[in-house]
Amino acid sequence: MIQGAGAFRENGFVFGRLSPTQTWRVLKLSHYSPMQR
């Protein structure tokens, strides 16, 4: 729980500076890029 909260806090800091569309693209890339490799 604590580690998850830390990761969420870091991600929130990064995604908070992006627009919703950019955030969606980042999430999409982060999930699908490793699969394509």
C-alpha atoms as a PDB file:
ATOM      1  CA  MET A   1       0.000   0.000   0.000  1.00  0.00           C
ATOM      2  CA  ILE A   2       2.759   2.435   0.967  1.00  0.00           C
ATOM      3  CA  GLN A   3       4.878   1.637  -2.092  1.00  0.00           C
ATOM      4  CA  GLY A   4       1.793   1.888  -4.313  1.00  0.00           C
ATOM      5  CA  ALA A   5       0.949   5.272  -2.814  1.00  0.00           C
ATOM      6  CA  GLY A   6       4.505   6.442  -3.477  1.00  0.00           C
ATOM      7  CA  ALA A   7       4.321   5.337  -7.093  1.00  0.00           C
ATOM      8  CA  PHE A   8       0.893   6.940  -7.476  1.00  0.00           C
ATOM      9  CA  ARG A   9       2.228  10.154  -5.946  1.00  0.00           C
ATOM     10  CA  GLU A  10       5.158  10.226  -8.381  1.00  0.00           C
ATOM     11  CA  ASN A  11       2.919   9.414 -11.345  1.00  0.00           C
ATOM     12  CA  GLY A  12       0.392  12.031 -10.237  1.00  0.00           C
ATOM     13  CA  PHE A  13       3.169  14.634 -10.143  1.00  0.00           C
ATOM     14  CA  VAL A  14       4.208  13.795 -13.709  1.00  0.00           C
ATOM     15  CA  PHE A  15       0.721  13.299 -15.187  1.00  0.00           C
ATOM     16  CA  GLY A  16      -0.558  16.384 -13.366  1.00  0.00           C
ATOM     17  CA  ARG A  17       1.650  18.490 -15.645  1.00  0.00           C
ATOM     18  CA  LEU A  18       0.202  16.886 -18.790  1.00  0.00           C
ATOM     19  CA  SER A  19      -3.139  17.340 -20.461  1.00  0.00           C
ATOM     20  CA  PRO A  20      -5.624  14.429 -20.291  1.00  0.00           C
ATOM     21  CA  THR A  21      -4.837  13.494 -23.900  1.00  0.00           C
ATOM     22  CA  GLN A  22      -1.093  13.447 -23.243  1.00  0.00           C
ATOM     23  CA  THR A  23      -1.648  11.422 -20.082  1.00  0.00           C
ATOM     24  CA  TRP A  24      -3.720   8.889 -22.058  1.00  0.00           C
ATOM     25  CA  ARG A  25      -0.938   8.617 -24.646  1.00  0.00           C
ATOM     26  CA  VAL A  26       1.703   8.141 -21.945  1.00  0.00           C
ATOM     27  CA  LEU A  27      -0.367   5.461 -20.221  1.00  0.00           C
ATOM     28  CA  LYS A  28      -1.040   3.776 -23.548  1.00  0.00           C
ATOM     29  CA  LEU A  29       2.667   3.770 -24.469  1.00  0.00           C
ATOM     30  CA  SER A  30       3.727   2.593 -21.013  1.00  0.00           C
ATOM     31  CA  HIS A  31       1.331  -0.364 -21.244  1.00  0.00           C
ATOM     32  CA  TYR A  32       1.690  -1.389 -24.891  1.00  0.00           C
ATOM     33  CA  SER A  33       5.329  -0.581 -25.720  1.00  0.00           C
ATOM     34  CA  PRO A  34       6.748  -3.448 -23.572  1.00  0.00           C
ATOM     35  CA  MET A  35       4.208  -5.833 -25.132  1.00  0.00           C
ATOM     36  CA  GLN A  36       5.200  -4.868 -28.680  1.00  0.00           C
ATOM     37  CA  ARG A  37       8.839  -5.492 -27.812  1.00  0.00           C
END
